[in-house]
Every structure is written in C-alpha cells, then in structure tokens.
Amino acid sequence: MIAYLEGKLRHKSPDHLVVDVHGVGYCVHVPLSTFYDLPDLGQTACLYIHTHVREDALQLYGFRSQAEKEMFLHLVSVNGVGPKLAVSILSGITPDELRRVVLQQDSKRLRSIPGVGRKIAERLVLELRDYLRIKKEDIEGPVCLHGEDGPYADAYSALLNLGYRSQEASRALQTARKTLDTDPTLERLLKEALRLLA
C-alpha cells in the first residue's frame, strides 16, 4: 500500500497529477486545495497518499497534509460517498470548515458543494458528527489522533486504511497507550491495537 510519495512533478491538472519517483510515474487524483499548493513542473512534490483498490482498478489519491487525508478517509466511510465525491467535497471546503459545518449541522453549506444533494448532506452531518466531536472535545491525553504527528497519528491512519471505523481505532489506541510505555514505536502501537480489535 502506498502511503506517501515524494518525486518530481511531471504533469498537473485540476483533477490529477503525475509524480515521477525514480523513473516511475504515478497518477494521483487530488482535490483543488492540494492542486493550488503544488510547486511548478519539474519541482519536487510531496503528497500523503490513500491507495484505493477496486476489482478493476487501483487508484491513488493525494493530499497536501495528513489532516486532509484523514478527513478524506472519514468522508469515504460515509454511506454513499465514494473517493471521487470525497475529493470533490474537499475541493469545495477545507477540513477545518467541514468539521465546523458538521458540528453545527449546517447541511445547507454542504449542499452548496457540487455533487452533494440533500440526502448526502444529511448523511454527512449524521455519520461524521460523532467522529468529529472526538476531535472537538479532545480525547484524554495526547491520543488526539486527528491531525497529530507521530506514531499515534500514523497508527490511527493505518487502522483507518485497514477498514476500522474512527471510533474503534481511537478507542483501541487509547487502551494501547495505557498498557504500553510512554513512548511506544508505531509497530508496537499497531500490534497492541490490532490485538485489542481482534
């Protein structure tokens, strides 16, 4: 699974890029927020990647920050929201504004984003509210996993990529943190969290 790419930018358009990593060109789909932050062609681009695997395709989605990638993962966990719609949503609203809009239940703002109708907007508010409230109210201790750097954020992202829901990943990592020493490695954190989730 590809989680991060750093390479020369060979092509860029509003919906996808080609990043050359040691002679291999990766096609990466990006939201407009990431597109606007890209360097010029020939310069080095650094992207957090989500690898989306389907029966007939393997697609890469790239983001300028880990927080944007995590919001993308929350979006695709919502029933009826696929990767393309999630990218479209992130093209029309920043992760911070999306968090605020969901917590304020402002479905009208969500409906202003192309591709988001009334049903999807209501579903986003309903299904994301609990995930994003964890961020707002803060999990006890430094396991505030959304947007935090370090092994906890990496372990959280890995668990989401494995298909676990945000709340169960957060709970498992909280418990793992209590049983492990104060500065566990990513490998130990993941192993303990997966043991708890089994």
Protein backbone atom coordinates (compact mmCIF):
# COMPACT_ATOMS: atom_id res chain seq x y z
CA MET A 1 0.00 0.00 0.00
CA ILE A 2 1.37 3.42 -0.96
CA ALA A 3 1.01 5.98 1.86
CA TYR A 4 3.36 8.80 0.79
CA LEU A 5 5.01 9.95 -2.43
CA GLU A 6 7.86 12.38 -2.99
CA GLY A 7 9.07 12.99 -6.52
CA LYS A 8 9.26 15.35 -9.49
CA LEU A 9 6.01 16.81 -10.73
CA ARG A 10 5.74 15.82 -14.42
CA HIS A 11 2.13 16.84 -15.08
CA LYS A 12 -0.55 18.67 -13.18
CA SER A 13 -4.20 19.39 -13.88
CA PRO A 14 -7.05 20.27 -11.51
CA ASP A 15 -8.07 16.63 -11.08
CA HIS A 16 -4.83 14.62 -11.29
CA LEU A 17 -1.04 14.76 -11.31
CA VAL A 18 1.82 12.63 -12.50
CA VAL A 19 4.60 12.32 -9.93
CA ASP A 20 7.90 10.84 -11.12
CA VAL A 21 9.52 8.76 -8.37
CA HIS A 22 12.85 7.38 -9.64
CA GLY A 23 11.59 6.99 -13.20
CA VAL A 24 8.13 5.62 -12.34
CA GLY A 25 5.20 7.98 -13.00
CA TYR A 26 2.34 7.74 -10.50
CA CYS A 27 -1.06 9.14 -11.49
CA VAL A 28 -2.53 10.78 -8.39
CA HIS A 29 -6.01 12.29 -8.06
CA VAL A 30 -6.09 15.41 -5.88
CA PRO A 31 -8.61 17.93 -4.52
CA LEU A 32 -8.31 21.54 -5.71
CA SER A 33 -6.89 22.60 -2.33
CA THR A 34 -3.86 20.38 -2.96
CA PHE A 35 -3.64 21.38 -6.64
CA TYR A 36 -3.35 25.07 -5.73
CA ASP A 37 -0.45 24.35 -3.36
CA LEU A 38 1.62 22.39 -5.88
CA PRO A 39 5.08 23.56 -6.98
CA ASP A 40 5.94 24.22 -10.63
CA LEU A 41 6.51 21.35 -13.07
CA GLY A 42 9.90 19.73 -12.56
CA GLN A 43 9.95 20.62 -8.87
CA THR A 44 9.60 18.15 -6.00
CA ALA A 45 6.06 17.40 -4.84
CA CYS A 46 5.31 15.68 -1.50
CA LEU A 47 1.92 14.05 -1.03
CA TYR A 48 0.17 11.91 1.57
CA ILE A 49 -1.45 9.09 -0.38
CA HIS A 50 -4.52 6.93 0.02
CA THR A 51 -4.44 3.78 -2.12
CA HIS A 52 -7.95 2.86 -3.25
CA VAL A 53 -8.26 -0.71 -4.53
CA ARG A 54 -11.20 -1.93 -6.57
CA GLU A 55 -11.69 -5.11 -8.57
CA ASP A 56 -10.97 -3.30 -11.83
CA ALA A 57 -8.61 -0.51 -10.75
CA LEU A 58 -6.01 0.71 -8.31
CA GLN A 59 -6.22 4.47 -7.79
CA LEU A 60 -4.07 6.88 -5.78
CA TYR A 61 -5.50 9.95 -4.04
CA GLY A 62 -3.05 12.59 -2.83
CA PHE A 63 -3.25 15.31 -0.18
CA ARG A 64 -1.02 18.13 0.97
CA SER A 65 -1.44 17.27 4.67
CA GLN A 66 -2.15 14.29 6.87
CA ALA A 67 -5.21 16.11 8.28
CA GLU A 68 -6.69 16.43 4.78
CA LYS A 69 -6.06 12.74 4.10
CA GLU A 70 -7.75 11.76 7.38
CA MET A 71 -10.78 13.88 6.53
CA PHE A 72 -10.92 12.12 3.15
CA LEU A 73 -10.93 8.76 4.97
CA HIS A 74 -13.79 9.94 7.20
CA LEU A 75 -15.74 11.06 4.11
CA VAL A 76 -15.39 7.76 2.25
CA SER A 77 -16.59 5.92 5.37
CA VAL A 78 -19.98 7.64 4.91
CA ASN A 79 -22.55 5.52 3.09
CA GLY A 80 -22.95 6.79 -0.48
CA VAL A 81 -19.68 8.79 -0.57
CA GLY A 82 -17.01 7.35 -2.84
CA PRO A 83 -13.47 8.64 -3.39
CA LYS A 84 -14.44 10.92 -6.30
CA LEU A 85 -17.18 12.64 -4.30
CA ALA A 86 -14.89 12.90 -1.26
CA VAL A 87 -12.27 14.67 -3.41
CA SER A 88 -14.99 16.95 -4.78
CA ILE A 89 -16.10 17.80 -1.22
CA LEU A 90 -12.53 18.62 -0.17
CA SER A 91 -12.20 20.78 -3.29
CA GLY A 92 -15.14 22.85 -2.05
CA ILE A 93 -14.45 23.08 1.68
CA THR A 94 -11.41 22.90 3.96
CA PRO A 95 -11.17 20.13 6.59
CA ASP A 96 -11.50 22.72 9.40
CA GLU A 97 -14.58 24.32 7.86
CA LEU A 98 -16.08 20.89 7.16
CA ARG A 99 -15.60 19.97 10.82
CA ARG A 100 -17.32 23.19 11.91
CA VAL A 101 -20.18 22.75 9.41
CA VAL A 102 -20.82 19.15 10.52
CA LEU A 103 -20.75 20.01 14.23
CA GLN A 104 -23.14 22.93 13.60
CA GLN A 105 -25.33 20.64 11.43
CA ASP A 106 -25.22 23.17 8.59
CA SER A 107 -26.38 20.88 5.78
CA LYS A 108 -27.20 23.91 3.61
CA ARG A 109 -23.46 24.74 3.35
CA LEU A 110 -22.74 21.14 2.38
CA ARG A 111 -25.43 21.23 -0.33
CA SER A 112 -23.60 24.17 -1.94
CA ILE A 113 -20.75 21.79 -2.86
CA PRO A 114 -21.13 20.28 -6.37
CA GLY A 115 -22.32 16.67 -6.21
CA VAL A 116 -23.73 16.92 -2.68
CA GLY A 117 -27.51 16.71 -2.57
CA ARG A 118 -29.87 16.87 0.38
CA LYS A 119 -29.61 13.16 1.30
CA ILE A 120 -25.81 13.07 1.16
CA ALA A 121 -25.56 16.33 3.14
CA GLU A 122 -27.81 14.94 5.88
CA ARG A 123 -25.87 11.68 5.91
CA LEU A 124 -22.56 13.54 6.23
CA VAL A 125 -23.84 15.51 9.22
CA LEU A 126 -25.30 12.41 10.87
CA GLU A 127 -22.41 9.97 10.29
CA LEU A 128 -19.47 12.36 10.75
CA ARG A 129 -20.79 14.16 13.82
CA ASP A 130 -19.51 11.57 16.32
CA TYR A 131 -16.11 11.22 14.64
CA LEU A 132 -15.50 14.96 14.57
CA ARG A 133 -16.83 15.51 18.08
CA ILE A 134 -13.93 13.33 19.31
CA LYS A 135 -11.58 15.94 17.85
CA LYS A 136 -13.54 18.86 19.26
CA GLU A 137 -13.95 17.56 22.79
CA ASP A 138 -10.44 16.06 22.78
CA ILE A 139 -9.61 12.54 23.72
CA GLU A 140 -7.86 12.33 27.11
CA GLY A 141 -4.11 12.69 26.85
CA PRO A 142 -2.11 13.05 23.65
CA VAL A 143 -4.08 10.48 21.68
CA CYS A 144 -6.00 13.23 19.88
CA LEU A 145 -5.41 11.36 16.68
CA HIS A 146 -6.84 13.71 14.09
CA GLY A 147 -4.05 15.91 12.77
CA GLU A 148 -1.48 14.89 15.41
CA ASP A 149 2.01 13.95 14.26
CA GLY A 150 3.96 10.95 15.50
CA PRO A 151 3.28 7.24 15.96
CA TYR A 152 -0.28 7.71 17.32
CA ALA A 153 -1.40 9.59 14.19
CA ASP A 154 0.38 7.08 11.94
CA ALA A 155 -1.19 4.14 13.78
CA TYR A 156 -4.63 5.78 13.62
CA SER A 157 -4.27 6.36 9.87
CA ALA A 158 -3.09 2.77 9.36
CA LEU A 159 -6.13 1.41 11.23
CA LEU A 160 -8.48 3.55 9.11
CA ASN A 161 -6.75 2.24 5.97
CA LEU A 162 -7.33 -1.30 7.23
CA GLY A 163 -11.05 -0.59 7.35
CA TYR A 164 -11.61 0.09 11.06
CA ARG A 165 -14.00 2.90 11.93
CA SER A 166 -12.67 6.08 13.52
CA GLN A 167 -14.18 5.48 16.96
CA GLU A 168 -12.99 1.90 17.33
CA ALA A 169 -9.49 2.85 16.13
CA SER A 170 -9.38 5.73 18.64
CA ARG A 171 -10.58 3.51 21.50
CA ALA A 172 -8.09 0.75 20.70
CA LEU A 173 -5.20 3.23 20.58
CA GLN A 174 -6.30 4.86 23.83
CA THR A 175 -6.28 1.46 25.54
CA ALA A 176 -2.97 0.50 23.90
CA ARG A 177 -1.45 3.75 25.17
CA LYS A 178 -2.36 2.85 28.75
CA THR A 179 -0.80 -0.62 28.54
CA LEU A 180 2.41 0.36 26.69
CA ASP A 181 5.30 2.54 27.87
CA THR A 182 5.22 6.31 27.46
CA ASP A 183 6.94 6.41 24.04
CA PRO A 184 5.93 3.28 22.08
CA THR A 185 7.01 2.68 18.48
CA LEU A 186 4.49 2.63 15.65
CA GLU A 187 4.95 -1.14 15.31
CA ARG A 188 4.20 -1.81 18.99
CA LEU A 189 1.20 0.52 18.95
CA LEU A 190 -0.28 -1.16 15.88
CA LYS A 191 0.37 -4.66 17.19
CA GLU A 192 -1.35 -3.88 20.51
CA ALA A 193 -4.27 -2.05 18.86
CA LEU A 194 -4.84 -4.92 16.42
CA ARG A 195 -4.74 -7.40 19.30
CA LEU A 196 -7.43 -5.37 21.10
CA LEU A 197 -9.55 -5.13 17.94
CA ALA A 198 -9.35 -8.87 17.19
